[in-house]
Amino acid sequence: MIQKLFMMAATLMAAITVQAQTARKFVLSNSSDGQSELHCFLPDNR
């Protein structure tokens, strides 16, 4: 059970990292019902 939870968390973090590298902004859901969202904008350091 704990291994599955850890694997799911690691997969989610990897997916967010890959998405963040390809896009300059992304949205994370804070709640299970989808009513709360966190909008993240990454700076362009070129």
N, C-alpha and C. Protein backbone atom coordinates (compact mmCIF):
# COMPACT_ATOMS: atom_id res chain seq x y z
N MET A 1 0.81 -1.19 0.00
CA MET A 1 0.00 0.00 0.00
C MET A 1 0.86 1.25 0.00
N ILE A 2 1.84 1.30 0.89
CA ILE A 2 2.71 2.47 0.98
C ILE A 2 3.56 2.59 -0.28
N GLN A 3 3.98 1.44 -0.83
CA GLN A 3 4.79 1.47 -2.05
C GLN A 3 3.98 2.02 -3.23
N LYS A 4 2.70 1.64 -3.32
CA LYS A 4 1.85 2.15 -4.39
C LYS A 4 1.65 3.65 -4.25
N LEU A 5 1.42 4.12 -3.02
CA LEU A 5 1.24 5.54 -2.77
C LEU A 5 2.51 6.32 -3.13
N PHE A 6 3.66 5.80 -2.74
CA PHE A 6 4.92 6.44 -3.06
C PHE A 6 5.14 6.48 -4.57
N MET A 7 4.83 5.38 -5.26
CA MET A 7 5.01 5.32 -6.70
C MET A 7 4.08 6.30 -7.42
N MET A 8 2.86 6.42 -6.95
CA MET A 8 1.91 7.37 -7.55
C MET A 8 2.37 8.80 -7.34
N ALA A 9 2.87 9.11 -6.15
CA ALA A 9 3.37 10.45 -5.85
C ALA A 9 4.59 10.77 -6.71
N ALA A 10 5.48 9.82 -6.87
CA ALA A 10 6.66 10.03 -7.70
C ALA A 10 6.29 10.23 -9.17
N THR A 11 5.30 9.47 -9.64
CA THR A 11 4.84 9.61 -11.02
C THR A 11 4.20 10.97 -11.22
N LEU A 12 3.40 11.42 -10.27
CA LEU A 12 2.76 12.73 -10.36
C LEU A 12 3.81 13.84 -10.39
N MET A 13 4.81 13.74 -9.54
CA MET A 13 5.86 14.76 -9.51
C MET A 13 6.65 14.77 -10.81
N ALA A 14 6.92 13.60 -11.37
CA ALA A 14 7.64 13.52 -12.64
C ALA A 14 6.80 14.13 -13.76
N ALA A 15 5.51 13.88 -13.76
CA ALA A 15 4.63 14.43 -14.79
C ALA A 15 4.58 15.96 -14.69
N ILE A 16 4.52 16.48 -13.48
CA ILE A 16 4.50 17.93 -13.30
C ILE A 16 5.82 18.54 -13.76
N THR A 17 6.93 17.87 -13.47
CA THR A 17 8.23 18.37 -13.89
C THR A 17 8.35 18.39 -15.41
N VAL A 18 7.93 17.33 -16.06
CA VAL A 18 7.99 17.27 -17.53
C VAL A 18 7.09 18.35 -18.12
N GLN A 19 5.91 18.53 -17.57
CA GLN A 19 4.99 19.55 -18.08
C GLN A 19 5.59 20.94 -17.86
N ALA A 20 6.23 21.16 -16.73
CA ALA A 20 6.81 22.46 -16.43
C ALA A 20 7.97 22.78 -17.37
N GLN A 21 8.68 21.77 -17.84
CA GLN A 21 9.79 22.02 -18.75
C GLN A 21 9.31 22.38 -20.14
N THR A 22 8.13 21.92 -20.51
CA THR A 22 7.63 22.17 -21.86
C THR A 22 6.71 23.38 -21.91
N ALA A 23 6.12 23.77 -20.80
CA ALA A 23 5.20 24.90 -20.76
C ALA A 23 5.67 25.89 -19.71
N ARG A 24 5.39 27.15 -19.92
CA ARG A 24 5.79 28.18 -18.98
C ARG A 24 4.74 28.39 -17.90
N LYS A 25 3.57 27.79 -18.04
CA LYS A 25 2.55 27.89 -17.00
C LYS A 25 1.79 26.56 -16.92
N PHE A 26 1.27 26.26 -15.74
CA PHE A 26 0.49 25.05 -15.55
C PHE A 26 -0.45 25.25 -14.37
N VAL A 27 -1.45 24.38 -14.25
CA VAL A 27 -2.48 24.48 -13.22
C VAL A 27 -2.48 23.20 -12.39
N LEU A 28 -2.47 23.36 -11.08
CA LEU A 28 -2.55 22.22 -10.16
C LEU A 28 -3.86 22.31 -9.39
N SER A 29 -4.57 21.21 -9.28
CA SER A 29 -5.80 21.17 -8.50
C SER A 29 -5.46 21.00 -7.02
N ASN A 30 -6.05 21.84 -6.18
CA ASN A 30 -5.81 21.75 -4.74
C ASN A 30 -6.82 20.88 -4.02
N SER A 31 -7.98 20.66 -4.63
CA SER A 31 -9.02 19.89 -3.97
C SER A 31 -9.49 18.76 -4.87
N SER A 32 -10.11 17.77 -4.26
CA SER A 32 -10.57 16.62 -5.02
C SER A 32 -11.79 16.93 -5.88
N ASP A 33 -12.55 17.97 -5.53
CA ASP A 33 -13.74 18.31 -6.32
C ASP A 33 -13.42 19.27 -7.47
N GLY A 34 -12.19 19.77 -7.56
CA GLY A 34 -11.78 20.62 -8.66
C GLY A 34 -12.18 22.07 -8.50
N GLN A 35 -12.68 22.46 -7.34
CA GLN A 35 -13.12 23.83 -7.13
C GLN A 35 -11.95 24.78 -6.84
N SER A 36 -10.84 24.25 -6.38
CA SER A 36 -9.68 25.08 -6.05
C SER A 36 -8.52 24.71 -6.97
N GLU A 37 -7.92 25.73 -7.59
CA GLU A 37 -6.81 25.51 -8.50
C GLU A 37 -5.66 26.45 -8.16
N LEU A 38 -4.45 25.97 -8.38
CA LEU A 38 -3.25 26.77 -8.20
C LEU A 38 -2.64 26.99 -9.57
N HIS A 39 -2.58 28.25 -10.01
CA HIS A 39 -2.01 28.59 -11.32
C HIS A 39 -0.55 28.99 -11.11
N CYS A 40 0.36 28.28 -11.77
CA CYS A 40 1.79 28.52 -11.62
C CYS A 40 2.34 29.08 -12.93
N PHE A 41 3.08 30.17 -12.84
CA PHE A 41 3.72 30.78 -13.99
C PHE A 41 5.23 30.81 -13.75
N LEU A 42 5.97 30.23 -14.68
CA LEU A 42 7.43 30.16 -14.54
C LEU A 42 8.07 31.31 -15.31
N PRO A 43 9.11 31.93 -14.74
CA PRO A 43 9.78 33.04 -15.43
C PRO A 43 10.59 32.53 -16.62
N ASP A 44 10.79 33.40 -17.57
CA ASP A 44 11.58 33.08 -18.74
C ASP A 44 12.99 33.60 -18.52
N ASN A 45 13.95 32.73 -18.23
CA ASN A 45 15.33 33.11 -17.91
C ASN A 45 16.25 32.92 -19.09
N ARG A 46 15.96 33.56 -20.17
CA ARG A 46 16.82 33.43 -21.35
C ARG A 46 17.78 34.56 -21.46
